[in-house]
PDB file of N, CA and C in Angstrom:
ATOM      1  N   MET A   1      39.807  43.282 -23.842  1.00  0.00           N
ATOM      2  CA  MET A   1      40.290  44.632 -23.600  1.00  0.00           C
ATOM      3  C   MET A   1      39.087  45.555 -23.381  1.00  0.00           C
ATOM      4  N   ILE A   2      39.212  46.427 -22.417  1.00  0.00           N
ATOM      5  CA  ILE A   2      38.134  47.356 -22.076  1.00  0.00           C
ATOM      6  C   ILE A   2      38.230  48.594 -22.953  1.00  0.00           C
ATOM      7  N   ASN A   3      37.107  48.959 -23.554  1.00  0.00           N
ATOM      8  CA  ASN A   3      37.028  50.219 -24.291  1.00  0.00           C
ATOM      9  C   ASN A   3      36.467  51.247 -23.308  1.00  0.00           C
ATOM     10  N   HIS A   4      37.361  52.010 -22.675  1.00  0.00           N
ATOM     11  CA  HIS A   4      36.934  52.958 -21.648  1.00  0.00           C
ATOM     12  C   HIS A   4      36.032  54.044 -22.204  1.00  0.00           C
ATOM     13  N   GLU A   5      36.290  54.488 -23.426  1.00  0.00           N
ATOM     14  CA  GLU A   5      35.447  55.527 -24.019  1.00  0.00           C
ATOM     15  C   GLU A   5      34.005  55.031 -24.124  1.00  0.00           C
ATOM     16  N   ARG A   6      33.840  53.848 -24.655  1.00  0.00           N
ATOM     17  CA  ARG A   6      32.491  53.292 -24.800  1.00  0.00           C
ATOM     18  C   ARG A   6      31.841  53.068 -23.436  1.00  0.00           C
ATOM     19  N   ARG A   7      32.611  52.553 -22.483  1.00  0.00           N
ATOM     20  CA  ARG A   7      32.082  52.284 -21.144  1.00  0.00           C
ATOM     21  C   ARG A   7      31.601  53.574 -20.481  1.00  0.00           C
ATOM     22  N   LEU A   8      32.409  54.627 -20.534  1.00  0.00           N
ATOM     23  CA  LEU A   8      32.052  55.890 -19.881  1.00  0.00           C
ATOM     24  C   LEU A   8      30.908  56.602 -20.595  1.00  0.00           C
ATOM     25  N   LEU A   9      30.929  56.606 -21.916  1.00  0.00           N
ATOM     26  CA  LEU A   9      29.833  57.238 -22.653  1.00  0.00           C
ATOM     27  C   LEU A   9      28.526  56.485 -22.429  1.00  0.00           C
ATOM     28  N   SER A  10      28.588  55.158 -22.380  1.00  0.00           N
ATOM     29  CA  SER A  10      27.378  54.357 -22.120  1.00  0.00           C
ATOM     30  C   SER A  10      26.818  54.660 -20.742  1.00  0.00           C
ATOM     31  N   LYS A  11      27.716  54.727 -19.763  1.00  0.00           N
ATOM     32  CA  LYS A  11      27.289  55.023 -18.394  1.00  0.00           C
ATOM     33  C   LYS A  11      26.617  56.386 -18.317  1.00  0.00           C
ATOM     34  N   ALA A  12      27.202  57.385 -18.970  1.00  0.00           N
ATOM     35  CA  ALA A  12      26.619  58.733 -18.964  1.00  0.00           C
ATOM     36  C   ALA A  12      25.284  58.755 -19.700  1.00  0.00           C
ATOM     37  N   ALA A  13      25.217  58.078 -20.842  1.00  0.00           N
ATOM     38  CA  ALA A  13      23.991  58.083 -21.640  1.00  0.00           C
ATOM     39  C   ALA A  13      22.820  57.442 -20.891  1.00  0.00           C
ATOM     40  N   GLN A  14      23.113  56.466 -20.051  1.00  0.00           N
ATOM     41  CA  GLN A  14      22.059  55.765 -19.313  1.00  0.00           C
ATOM     42  C   GLN A  14      21.673  56.459 -18.019  1.00  0.00           C
ATOM     43  N   ALA A  15      22.477  57.418 -17.586  1.00  0.00           N
ATOM     44  CA  ALA A  15      22.240  58.093 -16.307  1.00  0.00           C
ATOM     45  C   ALA A  15      21.192  59.197 -16.432  1.00  0.00           C
ATOM     46  N   ILE A  16      20.659  59.568 -15.304  1.00  0.00           N
ATOM     47  CA  ILE A  16      19.704  60.673 -15.244  1.00  0.00           C
ATOM     48  C   ILE A  16      20.408  61.940 -15.732  1.00  0.00           C
ATOM     49  N   ALA A  17      19.795  62.640 -16.654  1.00  0.00           N
ATOM     50  CA  ALA A  17      20.313  63.888 -17.236  1.00  0.00           C
ATOM     51  C   ALA A  17      21.635  63.693 -17.968  1.00  0.00           C
ATOM     52  N   GLY A  18      22.016  62.439 -18.257  1.00  0.00           N
ATOM     53  CA  GLY A  18      23.229  62.177 -19.015  1.00  0.00           C
ATOM     54  C   GLY A  18      24.500  62.552 -18.277  1.00  0.00           C
ATOM     55  N   ARG A  19      24.457  62.476 -16.960  1.00  0.00           N
ATOM     56  CA  ARG A  19      25.607  62.917 -16.161  1.00  0.00           C
ATOM     57  C   ARG A  19      26.368  61.744 -15.557  1.00  0.00           C
ATOM     58  N   ILE A  20      27.668  61.940 -15.428  1.00  0.00           N
ATOM     59  CA  ILE A  20      28.545  60.940 -14.829  1.00  0.00           C
ATOM     60  C   ILE A  20      29.489  61.663 -13.885  1.00  0.00           C
ATOM     61  N   SER A  21      29.748  61.041 -12.730  1.00  0.00           N
ATOM     62  CA  SER A  21      30.624  61.646 -11.719  1.00  0.00           C
ATOM     63  C   SER A  21      31.639  60.623 -11.234  1.00  0.00           C
ATOM     64  N   VAL A  22      32.782  61.132 -10.787  1.00  0.00           N
ATOM     65  CA  VAL A  22      33.776  60.297 -10.127  1.00  0.00           C
ATOM     66  C   VAL A  22      34.128  60.941  -8.795  1.00  0.00           C
ATOM     67  N   LYS A  23      34.416  60.096  -7.818  1.00  0.00           N
ATOM     68  CA  LYS A  23      34.716  60.573  -6.469  1.00  0.00           C
ATOM     69  C   LYS A  23      36.223  60.629  -6.247  1.00  0.00           C
ATOM     70  N   ARG A  24      36.660  61.690  -5.637  1.00  0.00           N
ATOM     71  CA  ARG A  24      38.073  61.852  -5.281  1.00  0.00           C
ATOM     72  C   ARG A  24      38.429  60.819  -4.209  1.00  0.00           C
ATOM     73  N   GLU A  25      39.628  60.261  -4.314  1.00  0.00           N
ATOM     74  CA  GLU A  25      40.115  59.275  -3.353  1.00  0.00           C
ATOM     75  C   GLU A  25      40.434  59.953  -2.018  1.00  0.00           C
ATOM     76  N   PRO A  26      40.461  59.173  -0.927  1.00  0.00           N
ATOM     77  CA  PRO A  26      40.781  59.757   0.383  1.00  0.00           C
ATOM     78  C   PRO A  26      42.143  60.462   0.421  1.00  0.00           C
ATOM     79  N   ASP A  27      43.095  60.027  -0.431  1.00  0.00           N
ATOM     80  CA  ASP A  27      44.408  60.681  -0.457  1.00  0.00           C
ATOM     81  C   ASP A  27      44.420  61.913  -1.374  1.00  0.00           C
ATOM     82  N   ARG A  28      43.237  62.332  -1.810  1.00  0.00           N
ATOM     83  CA  ARG A  28      42.996  63.507  -2.653  1.00  0.00           C
ATOM     84  C   ARG A  28      43.377  63.308  -4.117  1.00  0.00           C
ATOM     85  N   SER A  29      43.718  62.096  -4.510  1.00  0.00           N
ATOM     86  CA  SER A  29      43.979  61.821  -5.923  1.00  0.00           C
ATOM     87  C   SER A  29      42.654  61.459  -6.594  1.00  0.00           C
ATOM     88  N   TRP A  30      42.656  61.492  -7.916  1.00  0.00           N
ATOM     89  CA  TRP A  30      41.459  61.125  -8.674  1.00  0.00           C
ATOM     90  C   TRP A  30      41.652  59.735  -9.263  1.00  0.00           C
ATOM     91  N   PRO A  31      40.581  58.956  -9.396  1.00  0.00           N
ATOM     92  CA  PRO A  31      40.698  57.658 -10.054  1.00  0.00           C
ATOM     93  C   PRO A  31      40.983  57.850 -11.551  1.00  0.00           C
ATOM     94  N   GLY A  32      41.385  56.779 -12.221  1.00  0.00           N
ATOM     95  CA  GLY A  32      41.742  56.845 -13.635  1.00  0.00           C
ATOM     96  C   GLY A  32      40.644  57.387 -14.530  1.00  0.00           C
ATOM     97  N   ASP A  33      39.384  57.149 -14.178  1.00  0.00           N
ATOM     98  CA  ASP A  33      38.291  57.639 -15.023  1.00  0.00           C
ATOM     99  C   ASP A  33      38.253  59.162 -15.095  1.00  0.00           C
ATOM    100  N   HIS A  34      38.806  59.852 -14.101  1.00  0.00           N
ATOM    101  CA  HIS A  34      38.837  61.314 -14.137  1.00  0.00           C
ATOM    102  C   HIS A  34      39.625  61.790 -15.355  1.00  0.00           C
ATOM    103  N   SER A  35      40.819  61.250 -15.568  1.00  0.00           N
ATOM    104  CA  SER A  35      41.629  61.675 -16.718  1.00  0.00           C
ATOM    105  C   SER A  35      40.998  61.219 -18.030  1.00  0.00           C
ATOM    106  N   ARG A  36      40.348  60.066 -18.020  1.00  0.00           N
ATOM    107  CA  ARG A  36      39.659  59.598 -19.235  1.00  0.00           C
ATOM    108  C   ARG A  36      38.507  60.530 -19.593  1.00  0.00           C
ATOM    109  N   LEU A  37      37.753  60.973 -18.590  1.00  0.00           N
ATOM    110  CA  LEU A  37      36.651  61.904 -18.838  1.00  0.00           C
ATOM    111  C   LEU A  37      37.170  63.274 -19.266  1.00  0.00           C
ATOM    112  N   CYS A  38      38.298  63.702 -18.715  1.00  0.00           N
ATOM    113  CA  CYS A  38      38.910  64.965 -19.157  1.00  0.00           C
ATOM    114  C   CYS A  38      39.296  64.866 -20.635  1.00  0.00           C
ATOM    115  N   ALA A  39      39.818  63.709 -21.042  1.00  0.00           N
ATOM    116  CA  ALA A  39      40.177  63.510 -22.448  1.00  0.00           C
ATOM    117  C   ALA A  39      38.936  63.534 -23.326  1.00  0.00           C
ATOM    118  N   LEU A  40      37.858  62.909 -22.882  1.00  0.00           N
ATOM    119  CA  LEU A  40      36.609  62.935 -23.653  1.00  0.00           C
ATOM    120  C   LEU A  40      36.062  64.360 -23.734  1.00  0.00           C
ATOM    121  N   ALA A  41      36.244  65.146 -22.680  1.00  0.00           N
ATOM    122  CA  ALA A  41      35.796  66.544 -22.703  1.00  0.00           C
ATOM    123  C   ALA A  41      36.595  67.340 -23.731  1.00  0.00           C
ATOM    124  N   SER A  42      37.887  67.061 -23.838  1.00  0.00           N
ATOM    125  CA  SER A  42      38.711  67.790 -24.815  1.00  0.00           C
ATOM    126  C   SER A  42      38.308  67.455 -26.247  1.00  0.00           C
ATOM    127  N   LEU A  43      37.653  66.301 -26.432  1.00  0.00           N
ATOM    128  CA  LEU A  43      37.154  65.898 -27.750  1.00  0.00           C
ATOM    129  C   LEU A  43      35.714  66.354 -27.982  1.00  0.00           C
ATOM    130  N   GLY A  44      35.098  66.969 -26.967  1.00  0.00           N
ATOM    131  CA  GLY A  44      33.724  67.452 -27.093  1.00  0.00           C
ATOM    132  C   GLY A  44      32.663  66.382 -26.890  1.00  0.00           C
ATOM    133  N   LYS A  45      33.048  65.224 -26.359  1.00  0.00           N
ATOM    134  CA  LYS A  45      32.084  64.135 -26.182  1.00  0.00           C
ATOM    135  C   LYS A  45      31.355  64.207 -24.846  1.00  0.00           C
ATOM    136  N   VAL A  46      31.949  64.882 -23.878  1.00  0.00           N
ATOM    137  CA  VAL A  46      31.292  65.202 -22.612  1.00  0.00           C
ATOM    138  C   VAL A  46      31.608  66.655 -22.283  1.00  0.00           C
ATOM    139  N   ARG A  47      30.794  67.240 -21.437  1.00  0.00           N
ATOM    140  CA  ARG A  47      30.968  68.640 -21.019  1.00  0.00           C
ATOM    141  C   ARG A  47      31.261  68.652 -19.515  1.00  0.00           C
ATOM    142  N   TRP A  48      32.329  69.337 -19.138  1.00  0.00           N
ATOM    143  CA  TRP A  48      32.720  69.469 -17.730  1.00  0.00           C
ATOM    144  C   TRP A  48      31.687  70.296 -16.990  1.00  0.00           C
ATOM    145  N   LEU A  49      31.182  69.784 -15.886  1.00  0.00           N
ATOM    146  CA  LEU A  49      30.209  70.513 -15.080  1.00  0.00           C
ATOM    147  C   LEU A  49      30.823  71.103 -13.817  1.00  0.00           C
ATOM    148  N   GLY A  50      31.931  70.527 -13.368  1.00  0.00           N
ATOM    149  CA  GLY A  50      32.615  71.061 -12.195  1.00  0.00           C
ATOM    150  C   GLY A  50      32.740  70.048 -11.079  1.00  0.00           C
ATOM    151  N   GLU A  51      33.237  70.551  -9.958  1.00  0.00           N
ATOM    152  CA  GLU A  51      33.414  69.734  -8.757  1.00  0.00           C
ATOM    153  C   GLU A  51      32.451  70.227  -7.695  1.00  0.00           C
ATOM    154  N   GLN A  52      32.032  69.292  -6.843  1.00  0.00           N
ATOM    155  CA  GLN A  52      31.208  69.683  -5.714  1.00  0.00           C
ATOM    156  C   GLN A  52      31.436  68.714  -4.568  1.00  0.00           C
ATOM    157  N   VAL A  53      31.220  69.216  -3.377  1.00  0.00           N
ATOM    158  CA  VAL A  53      31.368  68.398  -2.183  1.00  0.00           C
ATOM    159  C   VAL A  53      30.107  67.561  -2.024  1.00  0.00           C
ATOM    160  N   GLY A  54      30.300  66.280  -1.750  1.00  0.00           N
ATOM    161  CA  GLY A  54      29.166  65.378  -1.576  1.00  0.00           C
ATOM    162  C   GLY A  54      28.571  65.483  -0.186  1.00  0.00           C
ATOM    163  N   PRO A  55      27.584  64.652   0.086  1.00  0.00           N
ATOM    164  CA  PRO A  55      26.883  64.727   1.372  1.00  0.00           C
ATOM    165  C   PRO A  55      27.706  64.179   2.548  1.00  0.00           C
ATOM    166  N   HIS A  56      28.803  63.460   2.264  1.00  0.00           N
ATOM    167  CA  HIS A  56      29.611  62.881   3.327  1.00  0.00           C
ATOM    168  C   HIS A  56      30.918  63.643   3.482  1.00  0.00           C
ATOM    169  N   ILE A  57      31.459  63.659   4.661  1.00  0.00           N
ATOM    170  CA  ILE A  57      32.723  64.340   4.924  1.00  0.00           C
ATOM    171  C   ILE A  57      33.808  63.725   4.046  1.00  0.00           C
ATOM    172  N   GLY A  58      34.559  64.579   3.373  1.00  0.00           N
ATOM    173  CA  GLY A  58      35.648  64.110   2.525  1.00  0.00           C
ATOM    174  C   GLY A  58      35.223  63.639   1.155  1.00  0.00           C
ATOM    175  N   GLY A  59      33.977  63.790   0.813  1.00  0.00           N
ATOM    176  CA  GLY A  59      33.485  63.329  -0.487  1.00  0.00           C
ATOM    177  C   GLY A  59      33.408  64.451  -1.503  1.00  0.00           C
ATOM    178  N   THR A  60      34.369  64.521  -2.402  1.00  0.00           N
ATOM    179  CA  THR A  60      34.352  65.506  -3.478  1.00  0.00           C
ATOM    180  C   THR A  60      34.154  64.768  -4.784  1.00  0.00           C
ATOM    181  N   TYR A  61      33.254  65.282  -5.609  1.00  0.00           N
ATOM    182  CA  TYR A  61      32.921  64.645  -6.875  1.00  0.00           C
ATOM    183  C   TYR A  61      33.177  65.601  -8.032  1.00  0.00           C
ATOM    184  N   ALA A  62      33.659  65.055  -9.137  1.00  0.00           N
ATOM    185  CA  ALA A  62      33.791  65.796 -10.385  1.00  0.00           C
ATOM    186  C   ALA A  62      32.726  65.238 -11.323  1.00  0.00           C
ATOM    187  N   SER A  63      32.048  66.113 -12.054  1.00  0.00           N
ATOM    188  CA  SER A  63      30.936  65.681 -12.900  1.00  0.00           C
ATOM    189  C   SER A  63      31.051  66.182 -14.326  1.00  0.00           C
ATOM    190  N   TRP A  64      30.557  65.365 -15.253  1.00  0.00           N
ATOM    191  CA  TRP A  64      30.500  65.682 -16.671  1.00  0.00           C
ATOM    192  C   TRP A  64      29.124  65.294 -17.183  1.00  0.00           C
ATOM    193  N   GLU A  65      28.771  65.839 -18.341  1.00  0.00           N
ATOM    194  CA  GLU A  65      27.490  65.539 -18.994  1.00  0.00           C
ATOM    195  C   GLU A  65      27.780  65.161 -20.446  1.00  0.00           C
ATOM    196  N   ILE A  66      27.159  64.104 -20.923  1.00  0.00           N
ATOM    197  CA  ILE A  66      27.378  63.673 -22.303  1.00  0.00           C
ATOM    198  C   ILE A  66      26.795  64.715 -23.262  1.00  0.00           C
ATOM    199  N   THR A  67      27.456  64.922 -24.377  1.00  0.00           N
ATOM    200  CA  THR A  67      27.017  65.888 -25.387  1.00  0.00           C
ATOM    201  C   THR A  67      26.378  65.143 -26.562  1.00  0.00           C
ATOM    202  N   GLU A  68      25.805  65.903 -27.476  1.00  0.00           N
ATOM    203  CA  GLU A  68      25.249  65.298 -28.693  1.00  0.00           C
ATOM    204  C   GLU A  68      26.346  64.565 -29.470  1.00  0.00           C
ATOM    205  N   GLN A  69      27.534  65.155 -29.500  1.00  0.00           N
ATOM    206  CA  GLN A  69      28.659  64.519 -30.183  1.00  0.00           C
ATOM    207  C   GLN A  69      29.020  63.193 -29.504  1.00  0.00           C
ATOM    208  N   GLY A  70      28.971  63.156 -28.185  1.00  0.00           N
ATOM    209  CA  GLY A  70      29.241  61.929 -27.443  1.00  0.00           C
ATOM    210  C   GLY A  70      28.197  60.870 -27.713  1.00  0.00           C
ATOM    211  N   LEU A  71      26.939  61.280 -27.786  1.00  0.00           N
ATOM    212  CA  LEU A  71      25.856  60.332 -28.093  1.00  0.00           C
ATOM    213  C   LEU A  71      26.027  59.755 -29.498  1.00  0.00           C
ATOM    214  N   ALA A  72      26.394  60.608 -30.454  1.00  0.00           N
ATOM    215  CA  ALA A  72      26.608  60.149 -31.828  1.00  0.00           C
ATOM    216  C   ALA A  72      27.797  59.194 -31.896  1.00  0.00           C
ATOM    217  N   SER A  73      28.845  59.489 -31.170  1.00  0.00           N
ATOM    218  CA  SER A  73      30.022  58.626 -31.135  1.00  0.00           C
ATOM    219  C   SER A  73      29.672  57.266 -30.525  1.00  0.00           C
ATOM    220  N   LEU A  74      28.907  57.277 -29.443  1.00  0.00           N
ATOM    221  CA  LEU A  74      28.479  56.031 -28.807  1.00  0.00           C
ATOM    222  C   LEU A  74      27.615  55.214 -29.752  1.00  0.00           C
ATOM    223  N   GLN A  75      26.707  55.865 -30.457  1.00  0.00           N
ATOM    224  CA  GLN A  75      25.846  55.165 -31.402  1.00  0.00           C
ATOM    225  C   GLN A  75      26.674  54.530 -32.517  1.00  0.00           C
ATOM    226  N   ALA A  76      27.685  55.245 -33.000  1.00  0.00           N
ATOM    227  CA  ALA A  76      28.561  54.711 -34.056  1.00  0.00           C
ATOM    228  C   ALA A  76      29.333  53.489 -33.537  1.00  0.00           C
ATOM    229  N   MET A  77      29.827  53.559 -32.305  1.00  0.00           N
ATOM    230  CA  MET A  77      30.561  52.422 -31.724  1.00  0.00           C
ATOM    231  C   MET A  77      29.647  51.218 -31.549  1.00  0.00           C
ATOM    232  N   THR A  78      28.420  51.479 -31.102  1.00  0.00           N
ATOM    233  CA  THR A  78      27.448  50.410 -30.878  1.00  0.00           C
ATOM    234  C   THR A  78      27.059  49.769 -32.202  1.00  0.00           C
ATOM    235  N   SER A  79      26.845  50.584 -33.229  1.00  0.00           N
ATOM    236  CA  SER A  79      26.494  50.062 -34.561  1.00  0.00           C
ATOM    237  C   SER A  79      27.622  49.244 -35.151  1.00  0.00           C
ATOM    238  N   ALA A  80      28.856  49.699 -34.976  1.00  0.00           N
ATOM    239  CA  ALA A  80      30.018  49.003 -35.516  1.00  0.00           C
ATOM    240  C   ALA A  80      30.216  47.645 -34.855  1.00  0.00           C
ATOM    241  N   SER A  81      29.952  47.564 -33.548  1.00  0.00           N
ATOM    242  CA  SER A  81      30.143  46.282 -32.854  1.00  0.00           C
ATOM    243  C   SER A  81      29.008  45.316 -33.138  1.00  0.00           C
ATOM    244  N   ALA A  82      27.841  45.840 -33.526  1.00  0.00           N
ATOM    245  CA  ALA A  82      26.697  44.977 -33.843  1.00  0.00           C
ATOM    246  C   ALA A  82      26.824  44.376 -35.235  1.00  0.00           C
ATOM    247  N   ALA A  83      27.613  44.999 -36.092  1.00  0.00           N
ATOM    248  CA  ALA A  83      27.751  44.531 -37.473  1.00  0.00           C
ATOM    249  C   ALA A  83      28.665  43.324 -37.592  1.00  0.00           C
TER     250      ALA A  83
END
């Protein structure tokens, strides 16, 4: 089973400036990670940065940044799985 919270927080923590983005689909819907990141933002684990148009036509991205609370949560998950 995939732990999406751990996967997304890990991805953000490893990224430049702790940021993670998802691209809007061609039909203007968002992939599942968009709602997962919105849920993490409501818990204070990531901070919403906004949407911006990418360098290609039709490319809109939503971005978040991991918070100190998100880093602490990721560390706790990592420690628990190592034990």
